[in-house]
Amino acid sequence: MPSVSELLSANLHEVFGNRDALARRKAVDWVYSEDVMFTDPEGAVQGRSAVNDKAAALLADVPSDFVFVEDGERYVGTDIGALAWAFGPTGAPVARGIDVITVANETITSLRTFLIDTSM
C-alpha cells in the first residue's frame, strides 16, 4: 500500500523522470487510477495512457542530461500531497514547479502541475 509520499516520488521519478518506456508504463499502471486527470499549463488530459504520453513527449523534447530533482520537502495529508521540483541539467535547472496530487484507493486520481511564473 503506497503512501501519499511514495506516490509523489513515483510520479516524479518513476513516471515523468523515467526515460525507459517499458518501466515508465509499468509505473503508470500502479501509480495512477484508470481515469486519472492531469492538468498543467498546456491543458488537461485524462487516463493513464494520456499521462504516459505526456511524460514521453516531455522527455523526448529535452536533452538527455535533463533530470527531475525534488526541490524541497514533500507535503502530505491523508489523501493529498504536494512536491516542488526542478528540471534541467544537474545543478542548472531550466524549469521549476510543483505537483499537487489527490489520492484514492492507493492511486493518484488527480495530478495538477504548476510552473513558477518567470514573468514577474
Protein backbone atom coordinates (compact mmCIF):
# COMPACT_ATOMS: atom_id res chain seq x y z
CA MET A 1 0.00 0.00 0.00
CA PRO A 2 1.87 3.11 -1.21
CA SER A 3 1.74 6.24 0.91
CA VAL A 4 0.99 9.72 -0.45
CA SER A 5 4.71 10.48 -0.09
CA GLU A 6 5.66 7.38 -2.10
CA LEU A 7 3.17 8.29 -4.82
CA LEU A 8 4.63 11.82 -5.04
CA SER A 9 8.07 10.32 -5.51
CA ALA A 10 6.92 7.72 -8.04
CA ASN A 11 5.07 10.35 -10.09
CA LEU A 12 8.20 12.49 -10.36
CA HIS A 13 10.95 9.88 -10.66
CA GLU A 14 9.36 6.67 -12.00
CA VAL A 15 6.99 8.34 -14.46
CA PHE A 16 7.99 11.85 -15.51
CA GLY A 17 11.72 11.31 -14.94
CA ASN A 18 11.89 7.83 -16.46
CA ARG A 19 13.28 7.56 -20.00
CA ASP A 20 12.77 3.77 -20.13
CA ALA A 21 9.38 3.46 -21.88
CA LEU A 22 8.56 -0.02 -20.56
CA ALA A 23 9.49 0.77 -16.96
CA ARG A 24 7.61 4.09 -17.16
CA ARG A 25 4.44 2.37 -18.44
CA LYS A 26 4.65 -0.22 -15.66
CA ALA A 27 4.88 2.61 -13.12
CA VAL A 28 1.96 4.47 -14.73
CA ASP A 29 -0.22 1.40 -14.27
CA TRP A 30 0.29 1.24 -10.48
CA VAL A 31 0.71 4.95 -9.70
CA TYR A 32 -2.47 6.32 -11.33
CA SER A 33 -6.14 5.40 -11.36
CA GLU A 34 -7.51 4.38 -14.77
CA ASP A 35 -9.32 7.70 -15.15
CA VAL A 36 -6.65 9.95 -13.63
CA MET A 37 -7.00 13.63 -14.55
CA PHE A 38 -3.75 15.50 -15.29
CA THR A 39 -3.77 19.27 -15.62
CA ASP A 40 -0.82 21.51 -16.46
CA PRO A 41 -0.43 24.92 -18.14
CA GLU A 42 -0.94 23.24 -21.55
CA GLY A 43 -4.38 21.90 -20.60
CA ALA A 44 -5.92 18.74 -19.20
CA VAL A 45 -5.82 15.09 -20.23
CA GLN A 46 -7.50 12.06 -18.75
CA GLY A 47 -6.40 8.45 -18.36
CA ARG A 48 -3.21 6.50 -17.81
CA SER A 49 -2.22 6.41 -21.48
CA ALA A 50 -2.58 10.19 -21.75
CA VAL A 51 -0.32 10.73 -18.72
CA ASN A 52 2.21 8.28 -20.14
CA ASP A 53 2.13 10.13 -23.47
CA LYS A 54 2.70 13.49 -21.72
CA ALA A 55 5.75 12.13 -19.89
CA ALA A 56 7.15 10.52 -23.05
CA ALA A 57 6.69 13.70 -25.10
CA LEU A 58 8.30 15.86 -22.41
CA LEU A 59 11.38 13.66 -22.19
CA ALA A 60 11.65 13.28 -25.99
CA ASP A 61 11.87 17.06 -26.40
CA VAL A 62 14.75 17.74 -24.00
CA PRO A 63 18.45 16.84 -23.90
CA SER A 64 19.38 13.52 -22.30
CA ASP A 65 21.12 15.24 -19.36
CA PHE A 66 17.86 16.85 -18.17
CA VAL A 67 16.63 15.31 -14.91
CA PHE A 68 13.91 15.97 -12.36
CA VAL A 69 15.05 16.59 -8.79
CA GLU A 70 12.99 17.25 -5.70
CA ASP A 71 13.24 20.94 -4.81
CA GLY A 72 12.03 20.94 -1.22
CA GLU A 73 10.09 18.89 1.26
CA ARG A 74 7.13 16.67 0.43
CA TYR A 75 3.87 17.96 1.89
CA VAL A 76 1.36 15.20 2.64
CA GLY A 77 -2.10 14.75 4.03
CA THR A 78 -4.23 11.63 4.16
CA ASP A 79 -5.41 11.96 0.55
CA ILE A 80 -3.45 14.89 -0.90
CA GLY A 81 0.19 15.83 -1.36
CA ALA A 82 2.49 18.37 -2.96
CA LEU A 83 6.08 18.24 -4.14
CA ALA A 84 8.23 21.01 -5.59
CA TRP A 85 10.68 20.01 -8.31
CA ALA A 86 13.36 21.39 -10.60
CA PHE A 87 14.12 20.18 -14.14
CA GLY A 88 17.20 20.55 -16.29
CA PRO A 89 20.86 19.63 -16.21
CA THR A 90 22.10 18.65 -12.75
CA GLY A 91 22.77 21.83 -10.77
CA ALA A 92 21.40 24.13 -13.50
CA PRO A 93 17.62 23.71 -13.73
CA VAL A 94 15.75 25.49 -16.50
CA ALA A 95 12.28 24.97 -15.01
CA ARG A 96 10.75 24.72 -11.57
CA GLY A 97 7.29 23.76 -10.48
CA ILE A 98 5.11 21.94 -8.02
CA ASP A 99 2.92 18.86 -8.38
CA VAL A 100 -0.24 18.53 -6.32
CA ILE A 101 -1.86 15.10 -6.20
CA THR A 102 -5.13 13.70 -4.91
CA VAL A 103 -5.13 10.06 -3.86
CA ALA A 104 -7.92 7.48 -3.53
CA ASN A 105 -7.73 3.69 -3.35
CA GLU A 106 -3.91 3.85 -3.20
CA THR A 107 -3.54 5.59 -6.59
CA ILE A 108 -3.27 9.14 -7.87
CA THR A 109 -6.67 10.25 -9.15
CA SER A 110 -5.73 13.85 -9.91
CA LEU A 111 -2.40 15.49 -10.72
CA ARG A 112 -2.00 19.24 -11.14
CA THR A 113 1.31 20.72 -12.19
CA PHE A 114 2.07 24.40 -11.61
CA LEU A 115 5.12 26.15 -13.04
CA ILE A 116 6.98 29.04 -11.49
CA ASP A 117 5.93 32.29 -13.13
CA THR A 118 9.13 33.80 -14.55
CA SER A 119 7.36 36.84 -16.00
CA MET A 120 7.49 38.75 -12.73
